[in-house]
Amino acid sequence: MQRSGFTAFVLVLLVVAGFIFLLWSNARPAPELRVIVPTENAPTESVSGWEQILEAGFGENSTPLPTIAIPTGQYIPPTLPPASVGGTPIAAGDLGGGTNPELFSVAATPTRPPATLALLATEIPLTAISVTRAAVAWQPPPLIPPLSRDPLGRDHYYFLRPVDSNATNRGLFYYPYGSDGPENQWRIHAGIDMPNDIGQTVRAAGSGLVTWSGPGFQNTSSYGNVVLIEHDFGYNGQPVYTLYAHLSAVLVFNGQRVNAGDAIGLVGNSGRVTGPHVHFEVRYSENAYGKTVNPVLWMVPYVGTGVIAGRLTDRSGNLVQDADITIRSYATGLTIDTTATYIFQGTGVDVNSDPVWGENFVVGDVPVGRVEVIANLNGERISRLINVVEGTTNFVELTPALSTGGEASG
């Protein structure tokens, strides 16, 4: 009994002592709070900052990275020796119209009444025609010549379009170069036709010397009033000419030098025509009827378009004449354009393949992108897919598959 009481007494003392210790501890002042801040060095300028690198001209004495030279100058077609440009200035009275040369100046836009101009070949009074009339329809903008974007240098888009963009400045799709019309009713076409109202301005496609102006070109009345220009530049060392036919008025005289874009005549219906238009030819190596080449391969395409040139051959490798060609969009399946292969008449003297491409069909102003080129030869469908690139000639070969066993048939 006494032992139990002693134990309880000791426990009470321990509890009281612990309580007193807690009171004493809480009553002591709190120790001073010490905040330790990491030491930092004073800010200094970085020796590798990009500002210092640039100021020090980093890399000036180092080995430069390999680069590809980017051409900065405008493409210039090859020029011919001055001796190749011939012709002697001829008095305006020798043109047959007794015209004052002053009226044919191309230094400025003609402002005199068109009725005073000579070499008219239409019953419509030119006083009622305004050369500067408002645009009726606009064509896409053409690229700027001279242009040669082909990696191998094969292209020769040297010429402006001879008609402004506010009029028709592309050829009739149903009467292309080398064809005889949709129903074989016309003569083989040695150029392209741009139909426009009488009085629409016709311009020089390139700089050069006027070697013919007026009617009677090469002893034929078919061309009507003609302007022929021998250009200051050539191709492969050969001269190049452009011809503008069926004009209602001629604004230049023989021996006159013109620049690209100068007004040289007005659209008309003189000569052998079915309606007013300008007939545009390119002649290569010689001023002769049998030396024409396809103008579409020499005249700059529209912006965002390219040109398709190709060869359609039979199984023996012979060029197929007067066959239909269709260009179809691969994305939409819609037909973009159609043409026909050249008709050489067995001699090649009326139309000619290009000296570079050797083609027998051309389609101009094809929108860039993937297209299918299709021909039908004796019931056999022949097609190829190609990518049209802006401002370049995109070439395609169309040949029927060989028959079973590898034998070729005509």
Protein backbone atom coordinates (compact mmCIF):
# COMPACT_ATOMS: atom_id res chain seq x y z
CA MET A 1 0.00 0.00 0.00
CA GLN A 2 2.81 2.40 0.94
CA ARG A 3 4.78 1.36 -2.22
CA SER A 4 1.84 2.22 -4.53
CA GLY A 5 1.45 5.63 -2.97
CA PHE A 6 5.14 6.38 -3.40
CA THR A 7 5.03 5.51 -7.11
CA ALA A 8 2.05 7.77 -7.69
CA PHE A 9 3.81 10.59 -5.87
CA VAL A 10 6.89 10.22 -8.08
CA LEU A 11 4.78 10.30 -11.28
CA VAL A 12 3.05 13.48 -10.11
CA LEU A 13 6.42 15.13 -9.46
CA LEU A 14 7.67 14.18 -12.95
CA VAL A 15 4.57 15.62 -14.64
CA VAL A 16 4.84 18.84 -12.63
CA ALA A 17 8.58 19.10 -13.45
CA GLY A 18 7.91 18.61 -17.17
CA PHE A 19 5.19 21.24 -17.11
CA ILE A 20 7.49 23.72 -15.39
CA PHE A 21 10.22 23.01 -17.99
CA LEU A 22 7.84 23.76 -20.85
CA LEU A 23 6.80 27.04 -19.23
CA TRP A 24 10.46 28.01 -18.79
CA SER A 25 11.34 27.15 -22.40
CA ASN A 26 8.50 29.20 -23.87
CA ALA A 27 9.36 32.12 -21.67
CA ARG A 28 12.94 32.44 -23.15
CA PRO A 29 13.43 35.03 -25.99
CA ALA A 30 13.47 33.55 -29.53
CA PRO A 31 16.91 33.27 -31.10
CA GLU A 32 17.77 35.86 -33.78
CA LEU A 33 16.68 34.75 -37.24
CA ARG A 34 19.64 34.44 -39.55
CA VAL A 35 19.05 34.64 -43.31
CA ILE A 36 21.87 33.28 -45.36
CA VAL A 37 22.03 34.80 -48.87
CA PRO A 38 24.28 33.10 -51.45
CA THR A 39 27.07 35.40 -52.41
CA GLU A 40 27.18 36.64 -56.05
CA ASN A 41 29.98 38.21 -57.96
CA ALA A 42 29.45 41.64 -59.40
CA PRO A 43 27.81 41.46 -62.89
CA THR A 44 30.33 41.44 -65.70
CA GLU A 45 29.96 41.58 -69.49
CA SER A 46 29.77 38.18 -71.11
CA VAL A 47 32.76 37.53 -73.32
CA SER A 48 30.62 35.33 -75.59
CA GLY A 49 27.60 37.61 -76.12
CA TRP A 50 26.31 37.74 -79.68
CA GLU A 51 26.75 41.51 -79.72
CA GLN A 52 30.49 41.12 -79.16
CA ILE A 53 30.65 38.31 -81.71
CA LEU A 54 29.10 40.53 -84.35
CA GLU A 55 31.21 43.54 -83.39
CA ALA A 56 34.34 41.43 -83.61
CA GLY A 57 33.40 40.35 -87.15
CA PHE A 58 33.15 36.66 -86.31
CA GLY A 59 33.76 34.47 -89.30
CA GLU A 60 35.44 37.06 -91.48
CA ASN A 61 38.66 35.11 -91.49
CA SER A 62 37.06 31.70 -91.34
CA THR A 63 36.44 29.32 -94.22
CA PRO A 64 33.15 30.39 -95.88
CA LEU A 65 30.36 27.90 -96.40
CA PRO A 66 29.90 26.74 -100.00
CA THR A 67 27.26 28.79 -101.81
CA ILE A 68 25.63 28.78 -105.25
CA ALA A 69 25.87 31.99 -107.22
CA ILE A 70 22.48 33.59 -107.77
CA PRO A 71 22.20 35.35 -111.15
CA THR A 72 21.38 39.01 -110.67
CA GLY A 73 21.46 40.32 -114.23
CA GLN A 74 18.71 40.05 -116.80
CA TYR A 75 18.98 37.23 -119.31
CA ILE A 76 20.31 38.58 -122.62
CA PRO A 77 19.86 36.61 -125.85
CA PRO A 78 22.89 36.15 -128.06
CA THR A 79 23.45 38.95 -130.53
CA LEU A 80 24.47 38.71 -134.13
CA PRO A 81 27.30 40.65 -135.75
CA PRO A 82 26.12 44.05 -137.00
CA ALA A 83 26.81 42.97 -140.56
CA SER A 84 23.89 40.54 -140.42
CA VAL A 85 21.38 43.37 -140.15
CA GLY A 86 20.96 44.66 -143.66
CA GLY A 87 18.63 46.94 -145.52
CA THR A 88 18.81 50.44 -146.86
CA PRO A 89 16.37 53.12 -145.75
CA ILE A 90 13.68 53.55 -148.38
CA ALA A 91 11.76 56.73 -148.94
CA ALA A 92 8.19 56.65 -147.72
CA GLY A 93 6.98 57.43 -151.25
CA ASP A 94 8.31 54.05 -152.35
CA LEU A 95 5.73 52.29 -150.19
CA GLY A 96 3.06 52.92 -152.76
CA GLY A 97 1.01 55.21 -150.55
CA GLY A 98 2.99 58.43 -150.97
CA THR A 99 3.03 58.78 -147.20
CA ASN A 100 4.95 61.38 -145.26
CA PRO A 101 7.51 59.59 -143.02
CA GLU A 102 6.58 61.96 -140.19
CA LEU A 103 3.26 60.17 -139.80
CA PHE A 104 5.03 56.87 -139.14
CA SER A 105 7.09 57.97 -136.16
CA VAL A 106 6.92 55.49 -133.28
CA ALA A 107 8.61 57.74 -130.75
CA ALA A 108 5.22 58.50 -129.22
CA THR A 109 1.70 57.10 -129.27
CA PRO A 110 0.03 58.26 -132.50
CA THR A 111 -2.52 60.99 -131.79
CA ARG A 112 -3.41 62.20 -135.29
CA PRO A 113 -6.73 61.13 -136.83
CA PRO A 114 -6.29 57.58 -138.15
CA ALA A 115 -7.87 58.66 -141.45
CA THR A 116 -4.59 60.34 -142.42
CA LEU A 117 -2.72 57.02 -142.25
CA ALA A 118 -1.96 55.24 -145.49
CA LEU A 119 -2.22 51.61 -146.59
CA LEU A 120 -5.83 51.19 -145.50
CA ALA A 121 -7.56 47.98 -146.49
CA THR A 122 -11.02 48.23 -144.98
CA GLU A 123 -14.25 49.97 -145.82
CA ILE A 124 -14.70 50.99 -142.18
CA PRO A 125 -13.59 54.64 -141.82
CA LEU A 126 -10.62 54.74 -139.47
CA THR A 127 -11.89 58.09 -138.19
CA ALA A 128 -14.43 56.05 -136.25
CA ILE A 129 -11.75 53.84 -134.73
CA SER A 130 -9.92 54.83 -131.56
CA VAL A 131 -6.58 53.13 -131.13
CA THR A 132 -6.67 53.93 -127.43
CA ARG A 133 -10.19 52.63 -126.84
CA ALA A 134 -11.06 51.23 -123.41
CA ALA A 135 -10.22 47.61 -122.79
CA VAL A 136 -12.96 45.11 -123.61
CA ALA A 137 -11.34 42.07 -122.03
CA TRP A 138 -8.02 41.60 -120.26
CA GLN A 139 -5.67 38.68 -120.72
CA PRO A 140 -3.33 37.43 -117.95
CA PRO A 141 -0.06 39.35 -117.66
CA PRO A 142 2.77 37.86 -119.73
CA LEU A 143 6.22 37.13 -118.35
CA ILE A 144 9.03 39.52 -119.23
CA PRO A 145 11.34 38.65 -122.15
CA PRO A 146 13.98 37.65 -122.89
CA LEU A 147 13.39 34.52 -120.85
CA SER A 148 15.30 31.23 -120.66
CA ARG A 149 14.71 29.21 -117.49
CA ASP A 150 15.45 25.79 -118.93
CA PRO A 151 18.36 24.21 -116.98
CA LEU A 152 20.02 23.18 -120.25
CA GLY A 153 19.49 26.57 -121.92
CA ARG A 154 17.18 25.23 -124.60
CA ASP A 155 14.42 27.83 -124.27
CA HIS A 156 14.34 31.02 -126.34
CA TYR A 157 11.39 33.12 -125.21
CA TYR A 158 12.80 36.30 -126.69
CA PHE A 159 9.66 38.08 -127.86
CA LEU A 160 6.89 40.20 -126.42
CA ARG A 161 3.34 39.43 -127.45
CA PRO A 162 2.57 41.69 -130.41
CA VAL A 163 -0.82 42.72 -128.95
CA ASP A 164 -1.48 44.29 -125.56
CA SER A 165 -3.12 42.44 -122.67
CA ASN A 166 -6.31 44.49 -123.05
CA ALA A 167 -7.02 42.59 -126.25
CA THR A 168 -6.60 39.07 -127.63
CA ASN A 169 -2.89 38.29 -127.56
CA ARG A 170 -2.88 34.50 -127.90
CA GLY A 171 -3.43 32.40 -130.99
CA LEU A 172 -6.69 30.77 -132.01
CA PHE A 173 -6.75 27.30 -130.44
CA TYR A 174 -8.57 25.77 -133.42
CA TYR A 175 -6.05 27.03 -135.99
CA PRO A 176 -2.62 26.55 -134.42
CA TYR A 177 0.73 26.60 -136.16
CA GLY A 178 1.14 23.68 -138.58
CA SER A 179 -2.57 22.82 -138.79
CA ASP A 180 -5.18 23.19 -141.53
CA GLY A 181 -8.21 24.04 -139.39
CA PRO A 182 -10.76 21.92 -137.53
CA GLU A 183 -12.30 20.50 -140.69
CA ASN A 184 -9.16 20.55 -142.85
CA GLN A 185 -10.64 23.48 -144.76
CA TRP A 186 -7.75 25.98 -144.64
CA ARG A 187 -4.18 26.14 -145.84
CA ILE A 188 -1.37 24.91 -143.58
CA HIS A 189 -0.83 27.63 -141.00
CA ALA A 190 2.66 29.14 -140.94
CA GLY A 191 2.00 31.31 -137.87
CA ILE A 192 -0.66 32.08 -135.27
CA ASP A 193 -3.69 34.39 -135.55
CA MET A 194 -4.78 36.90 -132.89
CA PRO A 195 -8.32 38.09 -133.71
CA ASN A 196 -9.10 41.68 -132.70
CA ASP A 197 -11.17 44.64 -133.85
CA ILE A 198 -9.80 46.74 -136.67
CA GLY A 199 -7.57 49.46 -135.23
CA GLN A 200 -6.09 47.50 -132.31
CA THR A 201 -2.42 48.42 -131.89
CA VAL A 202 0.18 45.92 -133.11
CA ARG A 203 3.62 46.20 -131.52
CA ALA A 204 7.14 45.05 -132.35
CA ALA A 205 7.87 41.80 -130.53
CA GLY A 206 11.56 42.70 -130.31
CA SER A 207 14.08 45.31 -131.37
CA GLY A 208 15.43 45.33 -134.90
CA LEU A 209 15.28 46.77 -138.40
CA VAL A 210 12.10 47.04 -140.46
CA THR A 211 12.92 45.35 -143.77
CA TRP A 212 9.40 45.38 -145.22
CA SER A 213 6.36 47.60 -144.67
CA GLY A 214 3.32 47.60 -146.93
CA PRO A 215 1.47 45.33 -149.37
CA GLY A 216 2.84 42.89 -151.92
CA PHE A 217 5.10 41.00 -149.52
CA GLN A 218 7.09 38.35 -151.41
CA ASN A 219 4.93 38.90 -154.51
CA THR A 220 1.69 37.72 -152.91
CA SER A 221 -1.47 39.53 -151.90
CA SER A 222 -2.46 36.89 -149.32
CA TYR A 223 -0.66 38.61 -146.45
CA GLY A 224 -2.20 42.01 -147.13
CA ASN A 225 -0.27 44.82 -145.45
CA VAL A 226 2.83 43.46 -143.77
CA VAL A 227 5.59 44.58 -141.43
CA LEU A 228 8.72 42.40 -141.32
CA ILE A 229 11.45 42.95 -138.70
CA GLU A 230 14.94 41.47 -138.78
CA HIS A 231 15.94 41.41 -135.13
CA ASP A 232 19.14 42.62 -133.54
CA PHE A 233 19.63 39.21 -131.93
CA GLY A 234 19.79 35.74 -133.40
CA TYR A 235 19.84 32.13 -132.28
CA ASN A 236 22.63 29.62 -132.81
CA GLY A 237 24.34 32.21 -134.97
CA GLN A 238 21.33 32.48 -137.29
CA PRO A 239 19.11 35.55 -137.83
CA VAL A 240 15.53 35.68 -136.56
CA TYR A 241 12.61 37.56 -138.14
CA THR A 242 9.04 38.35 -137.08
CA LEU A 243 6.19 39.07 -139.50
CA TYR A 244 2.91 40.89 -138.83
CA ALA A 245 0.25 40.53 -141.56
CA HIS A 246 -3.28 41.66 -142.55
CA LEU A 247 -2.76 45.14 -141.05
CA SER A 248 -5.22 47.94 -141.74
CA ALA A 249 -2.46 50.52 -141.40
CA VAL A 250 1.34 50.43 -141.29
CA LEU A 251 2.99 52.85 -138.84
CA VAL A 252 6.65 52.32 -139.81
CA PHE A 253 8.73 52.48 -142.99
CA ASN A 254 11.49 50.39 -144.52
CA GLY A 255 14.88 50.90 -142.93
CA GLN A 256 13.42 52.19 -139.67
CA ARG A 257 14.85 50.82 -136.44
CA VAL A 258 12.29 49.90 -133.80
CA ASN A 259 12.40 48.81 -130.18
CA ALA A 260 10.38 46.08 -128.51
CA GLY A 261 6.90 47.39 -127.80
CA ASP A 262 6.90 50.16 -130.42
CA ALA A 263 3.63 50.56 -132.33
CA ILE A 264 4.21 49.31 -135.88
CA GLY A 265 0.68 48.89 -137.25
CA LEU A 266 -3.04 48.42 -136.64
CA VAL A 267 -5.03 45.19 -136.79
CA GLY A 268 -6.98 44.86 -140.03
CA ASN A 269 -8.49 42.51 -142.55
CA SER A 270 -6.29 43.17 -145.57
CA GLY A 271 -5.26 40.26 -147.77
CA ARG A 272 -6.79 36.81 -147.66
CA VAL A 273 -8.74 36.66 -144.38
CA THR A 274 -12.10 35.64 -142.92
CA GLY A 275 -12.06 38.41 -140.31
CA PRO A 276 -9.83 41.08 -138.76
CA HIS A 277 -6.75 39.74 -136.98
CA VAL A 278 -2.98 39.96 -136.93
CA HIS A 279 -1.11 36.97 -138.34
CA PHE A 280 2.17 36.56 -136.44
CA GLU A 281 5.11 34.56 -137.78
CA VAL A 282 8.63 33.78 -136.58
CA ARG A 283 11.16 32.96 -139.28
CA TYR A 284 14.47 31.37 -138.38
CA SER A 285 17.77 31.47 -140.31
CA GLU A 286 16.25 33.00 -143.47
CA ASN A 287 13.45 35.35 -144.52
CA ALA A 288 11.57 32.70 -146.50
CA TYR A 289 8.09 31.22 -146.38
CA GLY A 290 9.52 27.75 -145.78
CA LYS A 291 11.58 28.89 -142.78
CA THR A 292 8.84 29.51 -140.24
CA VAL A 293 8.88 28.00 -136.73
CA ASN A 294 6.17 27.90 -134.08
CA PRO A 295 5.84 31.40 -132.52
CA VAL A 296 4.51 29.91 -129.26
CA LEU A 297 8.04 28.63 -128.54
CA TRP A 298 9.49 32.14 -128.97
CA MET A 299 6.83 34.36 -127.36
CA VAL A 300 6.77 34.65 -123.54
CA PRO A 301 4.00 32.67 -121.79
CA TYR A 302 1.56 34.19 -119.34
CA VAL A 303 2.47 34.43 -115.66
CA GLY A 304 1.71 31.13 -113.91
CA THR A 305 1.83 29.10 -117.11
CA GLY A 306 4.26 27.08 -119.16
CA VAL A 307 4.40 25.57 -122.65
CA ILE A 308 4.05 21.91 -123.61
CA ALA A 309 5.94 20.73 -126.67
CA GLY A 310 6.12 17.15 -127.79
CA ARG A 311 6.52 14.50 -130.42
CA LEU A 312 3.84 12.00 -131.42
CA THR A 313 5.41 9.13 -133.35
CA ASP A 314 4.24 5.78 -134.62
CA ARG A 315 5.89 2.49 -133.71
CA SER A 316 8.52 3.03 -136.40
CA GLY A 317 9.48 6.40 -134.96
CA ASN A 318 7.87 8.45 -137.74
CA LEU A 319 6.19 11.73 -136.83
CA VAL A 320 2.41 11.39 -136.96
CA GLN A 321 0.71 14.22 -138.84
CA ASP A 322 -2.67 15.88 -138.20
CA ALA A 323 -3.47 13.94 -135.02
CA ASP A 324 -5.47 15.41 -132.14
CA ILE A 325 -3.73 16.15 -128.85
CA THR A 326 -5.61 16.80 -125.59
CA ILE A 327 -4.23 18.38 -122.41
CA ARG A 328 -6.16 17.38 -119.29
CA SER A 329 -5.74 18.51 -115.69
CA TYR A 330 -4.66 15.59 -113.52
CA ALA A 331 -6.25 17.18 -110.44
CA THR A 332 -9.70 17.92 -111.89
CA GLY A 333 -9.90 15.67 -114.93
CA LEU A 334 -11.05 18.65 -117.01
CA THR A 335 -9.70 19.40 -120.47
CA ILE A 336 -7.37 22.42 -120.47
CA ASP A 337 -6.63 22.70 -124.19
CA THR A 338 -6.48 20.81 -127.46
CA THR A 339 -4.29 21.03 -130.56
CA ALA A 340 -3.21 18.99 -133.56
CA THR A 341 0.16 17.73 -134.73
CA TYR A 342 1.89 19.50 -137.63
CA ILE A 343 1.19 18.71 -141.26
CA PHE A 344 4.54 18.72 -143.06
CA GLN A 345 3.12 17.74 -146.47
CA GLY A 346 5.99 15.32 -146.85
CA THR A 347 8.61 17.99 -147.43
CA GLY A 348 8.79 20.16 -144.32
CA VAL A 349 9.04 23.36 -146.36
CA ASP A 350 5.76 24.86 -145.14
CA VAL A 351 6.23 24.41 -141.39
CA ASN A 352 9.21 23.28 -139.39
CA SER A 353 10.06 21.78 -136.03
CA ASP A 354 11.99 24.01 -133.67
CA PRO A 355 15.77 23.81 -134.16
CA VAL A 356 16.11 22.67 -130.53
CA TRP A 357 12.99 20.71 -129.66
CA GLY A 358 12.20 18.84 -132.89
CA GLU A 359 8.52 18.79 -131.89
CA ASN A 360 5.40 18.19 -133.94
CA PHE A 361 2.90 19.78 -131.55
CA VAL A 362 2.89 22.70 -129.10
CA VAL A 363 0.34 23.95 -126.58
CA GLY A 364 0.96 27.34 -124.97
CA ASP A 365 -0.17 29.01 -121.74
CA VAL A 366 -0.87 25.80 -119.80
CA PRO A 367 -1.40 26.48 -116.06
CA VAL A 368 1.38 25.11 -113.88
CA GLY A 369 0.76 21.74 -112.27
CA ARG A 370 0.42 18.10 -113.20
CA VAL A 371 -1.33 17.39 -116.49
CA GLU A 372 -2.01 14.41 -118.74
CA VAL A 373 -1.07 14.70 -122.43
CA ILE A 374 -3.29 12.40 -124.51
CA ALA A 375 -3.29 11.26 -128.15
CA ASN A 376 -5.44 8.72 -129.95
CA LEU A 377 -3.58 6.87 -132.67
CA ASN A 378 -5.56 4.35 -134.74
CA GLY A 379 -7.86 3.69 -131.78
CA GLU A 380 -5.02 3.32 -129.28
CA ARG A 381 -4.95 5.80 -126.40
CA ILE A 382 -1.46 7.11 -125.64
CA SER A 383 -0.90 9.35 -122.63
CA ARG A 384 1.86 10.72 -120.42
CA LEU A 385 1.80 12.64 -117.13
CA ILE A 386 4.08 15.66 -116.87
CA ASN A 387 4.56 18.59 -114.50
CA VAL A 388 4.20 21.99 -116.16
CA VAL A 389 6.73 24.53 -114.84
CA GLU A 390 6.20 28.29 -115.24
CA GLY A 391 8.01 30.00 -118.09
CA THR A 392 9.60 26.86 -119.49
CA THR A 393 9.07 24.39 -122.33
CA ASN A 394 7.90 21.08 -120.89
CA PHE A 395 8.69 18.31 -123.38
CA VAL A 396 6.86 14.98 -123.76
CA GLU A 397 7.25 11.97 -126.05
CA LEU A 398 4.13 10.06 -127.11
CA THR A 399 4.74 6.67 -128.72
CA PRO A 400 2.43 3.63 -128.87
CA ALA A 401 3.51 0.53 -127.03
CA LEU A 402 5.21 -2.19 -129.01
CA SER A 403 3.03 -5.13 -130.02
CA THR A 404 3.40 -8.53 -128.39
CA GLY A 405 6.76 -10.04 -129.11
CA GLY A 406 8.41 -6.66 -129.56
CA GLU A 407 7.52 -6.35 -133.25
CA ALA A 408 6.97 -2.83 -134.49
CA SER A 409 4.11 -2.05 -136.84
CA GLY A 410 3.43 1.02 -138.95
